[in-house]
């Protein structure tokens, strides 16, 4: 299959997530699983994905904790 550059398609990202579940961070195996991206492109995508994931997780935790903080501030 031809290698892509530029934005990841929804299908490629889905295969990336599947690859993470199946192979962990074995980028070579994920490269074979996706088949349209190089190992370097996959590592770069993973880095950005994990940064976004951590940011969303942090924001989610803050929104869960916010009511508690507000309650304590008004006690």
PDB file of N, CA and C in Angstrom:
ATOM      1  N   UNK A   1       0.834  -1.187   0.000  1.00  0.00           N
ATOM      2  CA  UNK A   1       0.000   0.000   0.000  1.00  0.00           C
ATOM      3  C   UNK A   1       0.880   1.253   0.000  1.00  0.00           C
ATOM      4  N   UNK A   2       0.391   2.309  -0.571  1.00  0.00           N
ATOM      5  CA  UNK A   2       1.135   3.562  -0.672  1.00  0.00           C
ATOM      6  C   UNK A   2       1.239   4.249   0.689  1.00  0.00           C
ATOM      7  N   UNK A   3       2.399   4.856   0.936  1.00  0.00           N
ATOM      8  CA  UNK A   3       2.609   5.609   2.173  1.00  0.00           C
ATOM      9  C   UNK A   3       1.932   6.960   2.074  1.00  0.00           C
ATOM     10  N   UNK A   4       1.281   7.377   3.146  1.00  0.00           N
ATOM     11  CA  UNK A   4       0.626   8.679   3.205  1.00  0.00           C
ATOM     12  C   UNK A   4       1.505   9.692   3.899  1.00  0.00           C
ATOM     13  N   UNK A   5       1.265  10.947   3.606  1.00  0.00           N
ATOM     14  CA  UNK A   5       1.855  12.033   4.387  1.00  0.00           C
ATOM     15  C   UNK A   5       0.734  13.024   4.670  1.00  0.00           C
ATOM     16  N   UNK A   6       0.980  13.944   5.549  1.00  0.00           N
ATOM     17  CA  UNK A   6      -0.077  14.886   5.910  1.00  0.00           C
ATOM     18  C   UNK A   6      -0.986  14.328   6.992  1.00  0.00           C
ATOM     19  N   UNK A   7      -2.211  14.810   6.986  1.00  0.00           N
ATOM     20  CA  UNK A   7      -3.172  14.447   8.039  1.00  0.00           C
ATOM     21  C   UNK A   7      -3.499  12.962   8.029  1.00  0.00           C
ATOM     22  N   UNK A   8      -3.680  12.427   9.231  1.00  0.00           N
ATOM     23  CA  UNK A   8      -4.077  11.031   9.371  1.00  0.00           C
ATOM     24  C   UNK A   8      -5.568  10.911   9.086  1.00  0.00           C
ATOM     25  N   UNK A   9      -5.933   9.865   8.363  1.00  0.00           N
ATOM     26  CA  UNK A   9      -7.351   9.610   8.118  1.00  0.00           C
ATOM     27  C   UNK A   9      -7.954   8.972   9.368  1.00  0.00           C
ATOM     28  N   UNK A  10      -9.263   8.982   9.424  1.00  0.00           N
ATOM     29  CA  UNK A  10      -9.966   8.339  10.536  1.00  0.00           C
ATOM     30  C   UNK A  10      -9.638   6.848  10.574  1.00  0.00           C
ATOM     31  N   UNK A  11      -9.575   6.226   9.404  1.00  0.00           N
ATOM     32  CA  UNK A  11      -9.261   4.790   9.320  1.00  0.00           C
ATOM     33  C   UNK A  11      -7.846   4.506   9.822  1.00  0.00           C
ATOM     34  N   UNK A  12      -6.881   5.359   9.449  1.00  0.00           N
ATOM     35  CA  UNK A  12      -5.506   5.174   9.922  1.00  0.00           C
ATOM     36  C   UNK A  12      -5.431   5.316  11.438  1.00  0.00           C
ATOM     37  N   UNK A  13      -6.128   6.311  11.979  1.00  0.00           N
ATOM     38  CA  UNK A  13      -6.096   6.518  13.426  1.00  0.00           C
ATOM     39  C   UNK A  13      -6.736   5.318  14.142  1.00  0.00           C
ATOM     40  N   UNK A  14      -7.816   4.804  13.587  1.00  0.00           N
ATOM     41  CA  UNK A  14      -8.453   3.623  14.170  1.00  0.00           C
ATOM     42  C   UNK A  14      -7.472   2.448  14.190  1.00  0.00           C
ATOM     43  N   UNK A  15      -6.748   2.250  13.091  1.00  0.00           N
ATOM     44  CA  UNK A  15      -5.750   1.168  13.020  1.00  0.00           C
ATOM     45  C   UNK A  15      -4.614   1.429  14.010  1.00  0.00           C
ATOM     46  N   UNK A  16      -4.262   2.693  14.212  1.00  0.00           N
ATOM     47  CA  UNK A  16      -3.246   3.061  15.193  1.00  0.00           C
ATOM     48  C   UNK A  16      -3.685   2.634  16.595  1.00  0.00           C
ATOM     49  N   UNK A  17      -4.917   2.948  16.973  1.00  0.00           N
ATOM     50  CA  UNK A  17      -5.444   2.589  18.285  1.00  0.00           C
ATOM     51  C   UNK A  17      -5.490   1.063  18.429  1.00  0.00           C
ATOM     52  N   UNK A  18      -5.952   0.387  17.399  1.00  0.00           N
ATOM     53  CA  UNK A  18      -5.964  -1.086  17.417  1.00  0.00           C
ATOM     54  C   UNK A  18      -4.551  -1.621  17.630  1.00  0.00           C
ATOM     55  N   UNK A  19      -3.598  -1.031  16.903  1.00  0.00           N
ATOM     56  CA  UNK A  19      -2.207  -1.456  17.020  1.00  0.00           C
ATOM     57  C   UNK A  19      -1.661  -1.259  18.426  1.00  0.00           C
ATOM     58  N   UNK A  20      -1.992  -0.135  19.043  1.00  0.00           N
ATOM     59  CA  UNK A  20      -1.552   0.096  20.431  1.00  0.00           C
ATOM     60  C   UNK A  20      -2.092  -0.981  21.361  1.00  0.00           C
ATOM     61  N   UNK A  21      -3.366  -1.326  21.169  1.00  0.00           N
ATOM     62  CA  UNK A  21      -3.981  -2.356  22.019  1.00  0.00           C
ATOM     63  C   UNK A  21      -3.341  -3.720  21.787  1.00  0.00           C
ATOM     64  N   UNK A  22      -3.033  -4.016  20.540  1.00  0.00           N
ATOM     65  CA  UNK A  22      -2.475  -5.326  20.204  1.00  0.00           C
ATOM     66  C   UNK A  22      -0.982  -5.449  20.512  1.00  0.00           C
ATOM     67  N   UNK A  23      -0.221  -4.380  20.225  1.00  0.00           N
ATOM     68  CA  UNK A  23       1.241  -4.483  20.232  1.00  0.00           C
ATOM     69  C   UNK A  23       1.933  -3.553  21.213  1.00  0.00           C
ATOM     70  N   UNK A  24       1.170  -2.801  21.999  1.00  0.00           N
ATOM     71  CA  UNK A  24       1.804  -1.842  22.897  1.00  0.00           C
ATOM     72  C   UNK A  24       2.530  -0.785  22.091  1.00  0.00           C
ATOM     73  N   UNK A  25       3.754  -0.496  22.479  1.00  0.00           N
ATOM     74  CA  UNK A  25       4.530   0.535  21.777  1.00  0.00           C
ATOM     75  C   UNK A  25       5.570  -0.064  20.831  1.00  0.00           C
ATOM     76  N   UNK A  26       5.251  -1.226  20.280  1.00  0.00           N
ATOM     77  CA  UNK A  26       6.123  -1.828  19.274  1.00  0.00           C
ATOM     78  C   UNK A  26       5.777  -1.188  17.930  1.00  0.00           C
ATOM     79  N   UNK A  27       6.472  -0.083  17.638  1.00  0.00           N
ATOM     80  CA  UNK A  27       6.138   0.742  16.477  1.00  0.00           C
ATOM     81  C   UNK A  27       6.260  -0.005  15.165  1.00  0.00           C
ATOM     82  N   UNK A  28       7.187  -0.939  15.062  1.00  0.00           N
ATOM     83  CA  UNK A  28       7.360  -1.715  13.817  1.00  0.00           C
ATOM     84  C   UNK A  28       6.131  -2.582  13.540  1.00  0.00           C
ATOM     85  N   UNK A  29       5.610  -3.217  14.588  1.00  0.00           N
ATOM     86  CA  UNK A  29       4.413  -4.033  14.393  1.00  0.00           C
ATOM     87  C   UNK A  29       3.201  -3.159  14.078  1.00  0.00           C
ATOM     88  N   UNK A  30       3.123  -1.990  14.716  1.00  0.00           N
ATOM     89  CA  UNK A  30       2.026  -1.064  14.411  1.00  0.00           C
ATOM     90  C   UNK A  30       2.154  -0.568  12.979  1.00  0.00           C
ATOM     91  N   UNK A  31       3.391  -0.336  12.532  1.00  0.00           N
ATOM     92  CA  UNK A  31       3.619   0.079  11.138  1.00  0.00           C
ATOM     93  C   UNK A  31       3.066  -0.974  10.177  1.00  0.00           C
ATOM     94  N   UNK A  32       3.321  -2.240  10.459  1.00  0.00           N
ATOM     95  CA  UNK A  32       2.790  -3.311   9.610  1.00  0.00           C
ATOM     96  C   UNK A  32       1.263  -3.349   9.685  1.00  0.00           C
ATOM     97  N   UNK A  33       0.719  -3.098  10.864  1.00  0.00           N
ATOM     98  CA  UNK A  33      -0.734  -3.136  11.060  1.00  0.00           C
ATOM     99  C   UNK A  33      -1.423  -2.006  10.285  1.00  0.00           C
ATOM    100  N   UNK A  34      -0.841  -0.823  10.313  1.00  0.00           N
ATOM    101  CA  UNK A  34      -1.438   0.331   9.616  1.00  0.00           C
ATOM    102  C   UNK A  34      -1.166   0.233   8.114  1.00  0.00           C
ATOM    103  N   UNK A  35       0.053  -0.041   7.766  1.00  0.00           N
ATOM    104  CA  UNK A  35       0.547  -0.262   6.392  1.00  0.00           C
ATOM    105  C   UNK A  35       0.604   0.981   5.501  1.00  0.00           C
ATOM    106  N   UNK A  36       0.103   2.119   5.953  1.00  0.00           N
ATOM    107  CA  UNK A  36       0.153   3.332   5.125  1.00  0.00           C
ATOM    108  C   UNK A  36       1.018   4.412   5.755  1.00  0.00           C
ATOM    109  N   UNK A  37       1.652   4.119   6.883  1.00  0.00           N
ATOM    110  CA  UNK A  37       2.487   5.097   7.583  1.00  0.00           C
ATOM    111  C   UNK A  37       3.824   4.479   7.945  1.00  0.00           C
ATOM    112  N   UNK A  38       4.862   5.312   7.961  1.00  0.00           N
ATOM    113  CA  UNK A  38       6.184   4.844   8.350  1.00  0.00           C
ATOM    114  C   UNK A  38       6.287   4.784   9.869  1.00  0.00           C
ATOM    115  N   UNK A  39       7.292   4.088  10.333  1.00  0.00           N
ATOM    116  CA  UNK A  39       7.539   3.979  11.768  1.00  0.00           C
ATOM    117  C   UNK A  39       7.747   5.365  12.388  1.00  0.00           C
ATOM    118  N   UNK A  40       8.467   6.217  11.703  1.00  0.00           N
ATOM    119  CA  UNK A  40       8.712   7.576  12.188  1.00  0.00           C
ATOM    120  C   UNK A  40       7.412   8.367  12.296  1.00  0.00           C
ATOM    121  N   UNK A  41       6.547   8.246  11.291  1.00  0.00           N
ATOM    122  CA  UNK A  41       5.255   8.933  11.333  1.00  0.00           C
ATOM    123  C   UNK A  41       4.399   8.419  12.487  1.00  0.00           C
ATOM    124  N   UNK A  42       4.473   7.132  12.743  1.00  0.00           N
ATOM    125  CA  UNK A  42       3.684   6.530  13.819  1.00  0.00           C
ATOM    126  C   UNK A  42       4.189   7.005  15.178  1.00  0.00           C
ATOM    127  N   UNK A  43       5.490   7.065  15.353  1.00  0.00           N
ATOM    128  CA  UNK A  43       6.045   7.562  16.628  1.00  0.00           C
ATOM    129  C   UNK A  43       5.643   9.009  16.862  1.00  0.00           C
ATOM    130  N   UNK A  44       5.672   9.822  15.820  1.00  0.00           N
ATOM    131  CA  UNK A  44       5.268  11.222  15.934  1.00  0.00           C
ATOM    132  C   UNK A  44       3.778  11.330  16.276  1.00  0.00           C
ATOM    133  N   UNK A  45       2.963  10.535  15.609  1.00  0.00           N
ATOM    134  CA  UNK A  45       1.523  10.530  15.882  1.00  0.00           C
ATOM    135  C   UNK A  45       1.272  10.084  17.326  1.00  0.00           C
ATOM    136  N   UNK A  46       1.995   9.073  17.767  1.00  0.00           N
ATOM    137  CA  UNK A  46       1.837   8.565  19.133  1.00  0.00           C
ATOM    138  C   UNK A  46       2.198   9.637  20.154  1.00  0.00           C
ATOM    139  N   UNK A  47       3.280  10.351  19.907  1.00  0.00           N
ATOM    140  CA  UNK A  47       3.701  11.398  20.840  1.00  0.00           C
ATOM    141  C   UNK A  47       2.596  12.448  20.992  1.00  0.00           C
ATOM    142  N   UNK A  48       2.046  12.895  19.874  1.00  0.00           N
ATOM    143  CA  UNK A  48       0.971  13.891  19.916  1.00  0.00           C
ATOM    144  C   UNK A  48      -0.289  13.309  20.551  1.00  0.00           C
ATOM    145  N   UNK A  49      -0.588  12.049  20.232  1.00  0.00           N
ATOM    146  CA  UNK A  49      -1.769  11.397  20.790  1.00  0.00           C
ATOM    147  C   UNK A  49      -1.670  11.314  22.316  1.00  0.00           C
ATOM    148  N   UNK A  50      -0.513  10.890  22.833  1.00  0.00           N
ATOM    149  CA  UNK A  50      -0.354  10.755  24.276  1.00  0.00           C
ATOM    150  C   UNK A  50      -0.373  12.111  24.973  1.00  0.00           C
ATOM    151  N   UNK A  51       0.174  13.148  24.340  1.00  0.00           N
ATOM    152  CA  UNK A  51       0.100  14.497  24.919  1.00  0.00           C
ATOM    153  C   UNK A  51      -1.347  14.961  25.032  1.00  0.00           C
ATOM    154  N   UNK A  52      -2.131  14.760  23.963  1.00  0.00           N
ATOM    155  CA  UNK A  52      -3.550  15.133  23.991  1.00  0.00           C
ATOM    156  C   UNK A  52      -4.315  14.302  25.016  1.00  0.00           C
ATOM    157  N   UNK A  53      -4.018  13.010  25.071  1.00  0.00           N
ATOM    158  CA  UNK A  53      -4.676  12.114  26.013  1.00  0.00           C
ATOM    159  C   UNK A  53      -4.410  12.563  27.448  1.00  0.00           C
ATOM    160  N   UNK A  54      -3.150  12.875  27.763  1.00  0.00           N
ATOM    161  CA  UNK A  54      -2.802  13.340  29.107  1.00  0.00           C
ATOM    162  C   UNK A  54      -3.489  14.659  29.433  1.00  0.00           C
ATOM    163  N   UNK A  55      -3.545  15.562  28.453  1.00  0.00           N
ATOM    164  CA  UNK A  55      -4.190  16.855  28.677  1.00  0.00           C
ATOM    165  C   UNK A  55      -5.681  16.675  28.949  1.00  0.00           C
ATOM    166  N   UNK A  56      -6.347  15.835  28.167  1.00  0.00           N
ATOM    167  CA  UNK A  56      -7.773  15.588  28.372  1.00  0.00           C
ATOM    168  C   UNK A  56      -8.027  14.911  29.713  1.00  0.00           C
ATOM    169  N   UNK A  57      -7.144  13.989  30.072  1.00  0.00           N
ATOM    170  CA  UNK A  57      -7.283  13.300  31.355  1.00  0.00           C
ATOM    171  C   UNK A  57      -7.135  14.298  32.504  1.00  0.00           C
ATOM    172  N   UNK A  58      -6.164  15.197  32.392  1.00  0.00           N
ATOM    173  CA  UNK A  58      -5.933  16.220  33.419  1.00  0.00           C
ATOM    174  C   UNK A  58      -7.136  17.159  33.526  1.00  0.00           C
ATOM    175  N   UNK A  59      -7.661  17.591  32.373  1.00  0.00           N
ATOM    176  CA  UNK A  59      -8.829  18.477  32.377  1.00  0.00           C
ATOM    177  C   UNK A  59     -10.040  17.780  32.981  1.00  0.00           C
ATOM    178  N   UNK A  60     -10.187  16.507  32.683  1.00  0.00           N
ATOM    179  CA  UNK A  60     -11.297  15.731  33.224  1.00  0.00           C
ATOM    180  C   UNK A  60     -11.184  15.622  34.738  1.00  0.00           C
ATOM    181  N   UNK A  61      -9.995  15.380  35.235  1.00  0.00           N
ATOM    182  CA  UNK A  61      -9.779  15.275  36.680  1.00  0.00           C
ATOM    183  C   UNK A  61     -10.042  16.612  37.353  1.00  0.00           C
ATOM    184  N   UNK A  62      -9.679  17.709  36.718  1.00  0.00           N
ATOM    185  CA  UNK A  62      -9.911  19.029  37.287  1.00  0.00           C
ATOM    186  C   UNK A  62     -11.404  19.325  37.367  1.00  0.00           C
ATOM    187  N   UNK A  63     -12.150  18.911  36.345  1.00  0.00           N
ATOM    188  CA  UNK A  63     -13.589  19.173  36.367  1.00  0.00           C
ATOM    189  C   UNK A  63     -14.271  18.318  37.426  1.00  0.00           C
ATOM    190  N   UNK A  64     -13.746  17.137  37.669  1.00  0.00           N
ATOM    191  CA  UNK A  64     -14.306  16.286  38.726  1.00  0.00           C
ATOM    192  C   UNK A  64     -13.987  16.880  40.092  1.00  0.00           C
ATOM    193  N   UNK A  65     -12.791  17.431  40.250  1.00  0.00           N
ATOM    194  CA  UNK A  65     -12.364  17.968  41.528  1.00  0.00           C
ATOM    195  C   UNK A  65     -12.912  19.376  41.778  1.00  0.00           C
ATOM    196  N   UNK A  66     -13.283  20.082  40.748  1.00  0.00           N
ATOM    197  CA  UNK A  66     -13.728  21.466  40.909  1.00  0.00           C
ATOM    198  C   UNK A  66     -14.891  21.616  41.883  1.00  0.00           C
ATOM    199  N   UNK A  67     -15.946  20.803  41.809  1.00  0.00           N
ATOM    200  CA  UNK A  67     -17.040  20.981  42.763  1.00  0.00           C
ATOM    201  C   UNK A  67     -16.583  20.813  44.216  1.00  0.00           C
ATOM    202  N   UNK A  68     -15.701  19.869  44.476  1.00  0.00           N
ATOM    203  CA  UNK A  68     -15.165  19.660  45.824  1.00  0.00           C
ATOM    204  C   UNK A  68     -14.426  20.911  46.293  1.00  0.00           C
ATOM    205  N   UNK A  69     -13.598  21.466  45.419  1.00  0.00           N
ATOM    206  CA  UNK A  69     -12.854  22.666  45.767  1.00  0.00           C
ATOM    207  C   UNK A  69     -13.798  23.832  46.035  1.00  0.00           C
ATOM    208  N   UNK A  70     -14.822  23.949  45.224  1.00  0.00           N
ATOM    209  CA  UNK A  70     -15.793  25.021  45.429  1.00  0.00           C
ATOM    210  C   UNK A  70     -16.535  24.832  46.753  1.00  0.00           C
ATOM    211  N   UNK A  71     -16.880  23.593  47.058  1.00  0.00           N
ATOM    212  CA  UNK A  71     -17.592  23.314  48.296  1.00  0.00           C
ATOM    213  C   UNK A  71     -16.725  23.687  49.493  1.00  0.00           C
ATOM    214  N   UNK A  72     -15.441  23.342  49.431  1.00  0.00           N
ATOM    215  CA  UNK A  72     -14.528  23.664  50.530  1.00  0.00           C
ATOM    216  C   UNK A  72     -14.330  25.163  50.660  1.00  0.00           C
ATOM    217  N   UNK A  73     -14.300  25.855  49.539  1.00  0.00           N
ATOM    218  CA  UNK A  73     -14.077  27.307  49.560  1.00  0.00           C
ATOM    219  C   UNK A  73     -15.259  28.040  50.191  1.00  0.00           C
ATOM    220  N   UNK A  74     -16.448  27.449  50.082  1.00  0.00           N
ATOM    221  CA  UNK A  74     -17.651  28.103  50.616  1.00  0.00           C
ATOM    222  C   UNK A  74     -18.048  27.580  51.980  1.00  0.00           C
ATOM    223  N   UNK A  75     -17.221  26.727  52.579  1.00  0.00           N
ATOM    224  CA  UNK A  75     -17.549  26.177  53.920  1.00  0.00           C
ATOM    225  C   UNK A  75     -17.271  27.155  55.009  1.00  0.00           C
TER     226      UNK A  75
END
